[in-house]
Amino acid sequence: MNKHELAKNINRFLEYDLDNYIYSTGMQREWILTLKEDSLASYLNKGSISSDTRNMIRIVYSVAKAFQGLSDTKKHPFKKILALKYFDGFLPSQQIADKVGYCLHTYYLKKNDALLEFYKAFLPAQSYYGVFPVIYLDNGVVDAESAKKALDTPKMDNLASFLSSLTYWQTINLYITLLQARSNISFNDAKKQAIVNYSNASNLKKMLNESLNSPSPKE
């Protein structure tokens, strides 16, 4: 798959497939512009929700994290292009081109670059939030391999699957248990640290992996 084909896949995901995750979780596309990780816990702890819904919420947050980190300069107006195209305004291509100050042909080139930059950030964002299974939109495009390595996790990962199935308080309690097992820390301090780091699923996975597989898991 070349970069042009990959960009088409990413476009299809953002324009159509993303709706399945957004509307199934009661969110809206415009929220991608402002979602912050400190609000994730309130969504995951809202009533009795299934593990599938929790994973969809994590996917939406991964999209937001990847989008919000995009370049936003005159030369690389990637955030503005994707915002106007998919999240804020849903404008036709010519109007977006006019707003970013490029001819239509150059706009299309910039949009493809924006989609590729988004995807490179989207892969590690999914790892950060503990999405399982990870959404891959490519098949060996240039740079995809290095981006996947940033995940530091295979496509089929039992630990990630286990962690994504936990409720909010199950995750907090696991964090507390691991923290106390690894170091001399009080319950209250461990609980505070667990709540602060709740959304960092990759760190929890690392701790659990070390506790299960390291001969000396204690710090």
Protein backbone atom coordinates (compact mmCIF):
# COMPACT_ATOMS: atom_id res chain seq x y z
CA MET A 1 0.00 0.00 0.00
CA ASN A 2 1.44 3.38 -1.00
CA LYS A 3 0.95 6.67 0.82
CA HIS A 4 -1.90 7.78 -1.43
CA GLU A 5 -3.85 4.59 -0.75
CA LEU A 6 -3.17 4.89 2.96
CA ALA A 7 -4.44 8.47 2.94
CA LYS A 8 -7.66 7.26 1.32
CA ASN A 9 -8.10 4.68 4.09
CA ILE A 10 -7.53 7.30 6.78
CA ASN A 11 -9.99 9.65 5.07
CA ARG A 12 -12.61 6.90 5.00
CA PHE A 13 -12.03 6.16 8.68
CA LEU A 14 -12.38 9.82 9.73
CA GLU A 15 -15.27 10.64 7.42
CA TYR A 16 -17.41 7.52 7.87
CA ASP A 17 -16.11 4.81 10.25
CA LEU A 18 -15.50 7.21 13.13
CA ASP A 19 -19.25 7.84 13.38
CA ASN A 20 -19.73 4.29 14.68
CA TYR A 21 -17.49 5.04 17.67
CA ILE A 22 -18.67 8.59 18.32
CA TYR A 23 -22.42 8.05 18.24
CA SER A 24 -22.28 4.68 20.00
CA THR A 25 -20.73 6.45 22.99
CA GLY A 26 -23.05 9.47 23.04
CA MET A 27 -20.33 11.85 21.90
CA GLN A 28 -20.20 14.33 19.03
CA ARG A 29 -17.62 14.99 16.34
CA GLU A 30 -17.01 18.55 17.53
CA TRP A 31 -15.77 17.21 20.88
CA ILE A 32 -12.64 15.86 19.16
CA LEU A 33 -11.38 19.46 19.13
CA THR A 34 -11.37 19.80 22.92
CA LEU A 35 -11.43 16.34 24.59
CA LYS A 36 -8.81 16.07 27.33
CA GLU A 37 -7.59 12.91 29.01
CA ASP A 38 -8.59 14.09 32.49
CA SER A 39 -12.25 13.66 31.47
CA LEU A 40 -11.79 10.05 30.36
CA ALA A 41 -12.41 8.55 33.80
CA SER A 42 -15.84 10.17 34.06
CA TYR A 43 -16.91 8.52 30.79
CA LEU A 44 -15.55 5.08 31.64
CA ASN A 45 -17.12 5.20 35.10
CA LYS A 46 -20.53 6.35 33.87
CA GLY A 47 -23.04 3.68 34.97
CA SER A 48 -22.74 0.12 33.77
CA ILE A 49 -21.15 0.11 30.32
CA SER A 50 -19.80 -2.82 28.36
CA SER A 51 -16.12 -3.43 27.63
CA ASP A 52 -16.87 -2.79 23.93
CA THR A 53 -18.26 0.66 24.76
CA ARG A 54 -15.25 1.42 26.95
CA ASN A 55 -12.99 0.51 24.06
CA MET A 56 -14.97 2.78 21.70
CA ILE A 57 -14.54 5.63 24.17
CA ARG A 58 -10.79 5.00 24.24
CA ILE A 59 -10.73 5.06 20.43
CA VAL A 60 -12.47 8.46 20.35
CA TYR A 61 -9.96 9.81 22.88
CA SER A 62 -7.12 8.39 20.76
CA VAL A 63 -8.45 10.28 17.73
CA ALA A 64 -8.61 13.48 19.80
CA LYS A 65 -5.07 13.03 21.12
CA ALA A 66 -3.69 12.43 17.62
CA PHE A 67 -5.63 15.35 16.12
CA GLN A 68 -4.73 17.86 18.83
CA GLY A 69 -1.02 17.19 18.35
CA LEU A 70 -1.01 17.96 14.62
CA SER A 71 1.10 20.70 13.06
CA ASP A 72 -0.74 24.01 12.76
CA THR A 73 1.50 26.43 10.86
CA LYS A 74 1.12 28.35 7.60
CA LYS A 75 3.32 25.80 5.81
CA HIS A 76 1.70 22.81 7.50
CA PRO A 77 -1.89 23.78 8.45
CA PHE A 78 -2.73 20.14 9.15
CA LYS A 79 -4.87 20.68 12.25
CA LYS A 80 -6.94 23.39 10.56
CA ILE A 81 -7.49 21.28 7.44
CA LEU A 82 -8.71 18.21 9.34
CA ALA A 83 -10.79 20.32 11.74
CA LEU A 84 -12.66 22.02 8.88
CA LYS A 85 -13.01 18.76 6.97
CA TYR A 86 -14.11 16.34 9.70
CA PHE A 87 -14.84 18.04 13.02
CA ASP A 88 -15.80 21.71 12.74
CA GLY A 89 -17.71 22.98 9.75
CA PHE A 90 -17.50 19.96 7.42
CA LEU A 91 -16.77 22.33 4.59
CA PRO A 92 -16.30 21.39 0.91
CA SER A 93 -12.75 21.19 -0.36
CA GLN A 94 -12.70 24.51 -2.21
CA GLN A 95 -13.81 26.45 0.88
CA ILE A 96 -11.17 24.77 3.04
CA ALA A 97 -8.53 25.52 0.40
CA ASP A 98 -9.57 29.19 0.45
CA LYS A 99 -9.40 29.33 4.26
CA VAL A 100 -5.87 27.89 4.43
CA GLY A 101 -4.69 30.02 1.49
CA TYR A 102 -3.85 27.33 -1.04
CA CYS A 103 -5.06 26.41 -4.50
CA LEU A 104 -7.23 23.31 -4.68
CA HIS A 105 -4.43 21.08 -5.99
CA THR A 106 -2.05 22.10 -3.21
CA TYR A 107 -4.84 21.70 -0.66
CA TYR A 108 -5.29 18.05 -1.67
CA LEU A 109 -1.57 17.45 -1.24
CA LYS A 110 -1.60 19.13 2.17
CA LYS A 111 -4.68 17.16 3.22
CA ASN A 112 -2.94 13.88 2.38
CA ASP A 113 0.09 14.99 4.41
CA ALA A 114 -2.22 15.89 7.29
CA LEU A 115 -3.90 12.48 7.17
CA LEU A 116 -0.53 10.69 7.23
CA GLU A 117 0.70 12.78 10.17
CA PHE A 118 -2.57 12.04 11.99
CA TYR A 119 -2.13 8.31 11.47
CA LYS A 120 1.43 8.29 12.78
CA ALA A 121 0.12 9.89 15.98
CA PHE A 122 -3.04 7.78 16.11
CA LEU A 123 -1.15 4.49 16.48
CA PRO A 124 0.77 5.38 19.67
CA ALA A 125 -2.29 7.25 20.99
CA GLN A 126 -4.22 3.97 20.89
CA SER A 127 -1.45 2.30 22.85
CA TYR A 128 -1.47 5.15 25.38
CA TYR A 129 -5.20 4.75 26.02
CA GLY A 130 -5.18 0.96 25.95
CA VAL A 131 -7.27 0.41 22.81
CA PHE A 132 -7.68 -3.27 21.95
CA PRO A 133 -7.55 -4.41 19.26
CA VAL A 134 -5.52 -1.58 17.74
CA ILE A 135 -6.97 -0.06 14.57
CA TYR A 136 -4.49 -0.43 11.70
CA LEU A 137 -5.34 1.26 8.40
CA ASP A 138 -2.25 0.29 6.42
CA ASN A 139 -0.40 -2.69 5.01
CA GLY A 140 3.29 -1.88 5.10
CA VAL A 141 3.40 1.72 3.88
CA VAL A 142 6.68 3.60 4.38
CA ASP A 143 7.00 4.80 7.99
CA ALA A 144 4.18 2.56 9.19
CA GLU A 145 6.64 0.03 10.59
CA SER A 146 8.41 2.58 12.76
CA ALA A 147 5.08 3.95 13.91
CA LYS A 148 3.90 0.49 14.88
CA LYS A 149 7.10 -0.09 16.85
CA ALA A 150 6.11 2.90 18.97
CA LEU A 151 3.17 0.87 20.16
CA ASP A 152 5.54 -1.70 21.69
CA THR A 153 2.73 -4.23 21.54
CA PRO A 154 1.60 -6.93 19.09
CA LYS A 155 -1.81 -6.85 17.47
CA MET A 156 -2.99 -9.70 19.70
CA ASP A 157 -2.11 -8.74 23.27
CA ASN A 158 -3.69 -10.57 26.19
CA LEU A 159 -2.64 -7.94 28.75
CA ALA A 160 -4.17 -5.11 26.71
CA SER A 161 -7.35 -7.13 26.27
CA PHE A 162 -7.54 -7.77 30.01
CA LEU A 163 -6.92 -4.14 30.97
CA SER A 164 -9.47 -2.81 28.47
CA SER A 165 -12.15 -5.01 30.05
CA LEU A 166 -11.74 -3.53 33.54
CA THR A 167 -14.12 -1.01 35.07
CA TYR A 168 -12.85 2.27 36.46
CA TRP A 169 -12.55 1.04 40.06
CA GLN A 170 -11.13 -2.31 39.01
CA THR A 171 -8.39 -0.41 37.18
CA ILE A 172 -7.76 1.87 40.17
CA ASN A 173 -7.58 -1.09 42.55
CA LEU A 174 -5.16 -2.94 40.26
CA TYR A 175 -2.99 0.19 40.09
CA ILE A 176 -2.98 0.43 43.91
CA THR A 177 -2.07 -3.24 44.31
CA LEU A 178 0.80 -3.01 41.84
CA LEU A 179 2.14 0.21 43.32
CA GLN A 180 2.14 -1.21 46.84
CA ALA A 181 3.72 -4.46 45.66
CA ARG A 182 6.55 -2.60 43.92
CA SER A 183 7.44 -0.02 46.59
CA ASN A 184 6.84 1.09 50.16
CA ILE A 185 3.88 3.39 49.57
CA SER A 186 0.79 3.94 51.70
CA PHE A 187 -2.65 2.98 50.47
CA ASN A 188 -3.82 6.61 50.31
CA ASP A 189 -0.73 7.72 48.36
CA ALA A 190 -1.08 4.76 46.00
CA LYS A 191 -4.75 5.58 45.45
CA LYS A 192 -3.98 9.23 44.67
CA GLN A 193 -1.27 8.18 42.21
CA ALA A 194 -3.59 5.61 40.61
CA ILE A 195 -6.34 8.19 40.05
CA VAL A 196 -3.93 10.72 38.56
CA ASN A 197 -2.42 8.12 36.19
CA TYR A 198 -5.66 6.30 35.42
CA SER A 199 -5.83 7.26 31.75
CA ASN A 200 -2.23 6.18 31.08
CA ALA A 201 -3.04 2.59 30.13
CA SER A 202 0.42 1.97 28.68
CA ASN A 203 2.06 2.64 32.06
CA LEU A 204 -0.33 0.30 33.86
CA LYS A 205 0.30 -2.38 31.27
CA LYS A 206 4.06 -1.98 31.71
CA MET A 207 3.76 -2.31 35.49
CA LEU A 208 1.56 -5.40 35.21
CA ASN A 209 3.86 -6.99 32.64
CA GLU A 210 6.91 -6.40 34.86
CA SER A 211 5.11 -7.77 37.92
CA LEU A 212 4.12 -10.92 36.05
CA ASN A 213 7.30 -11.59 34.12
CA SER A 214 10.24 -9.96 35.89
CA PRO A 215 12.27 -12.01 38.40
CA SER A 216 12.62 -8.82 40.48
CA PRO A 217 9.43 -6.82 40.04
CA LYS A 218 9.86 -4.83 43.25
CA GLU A 219 11.61 -1.47 42.81
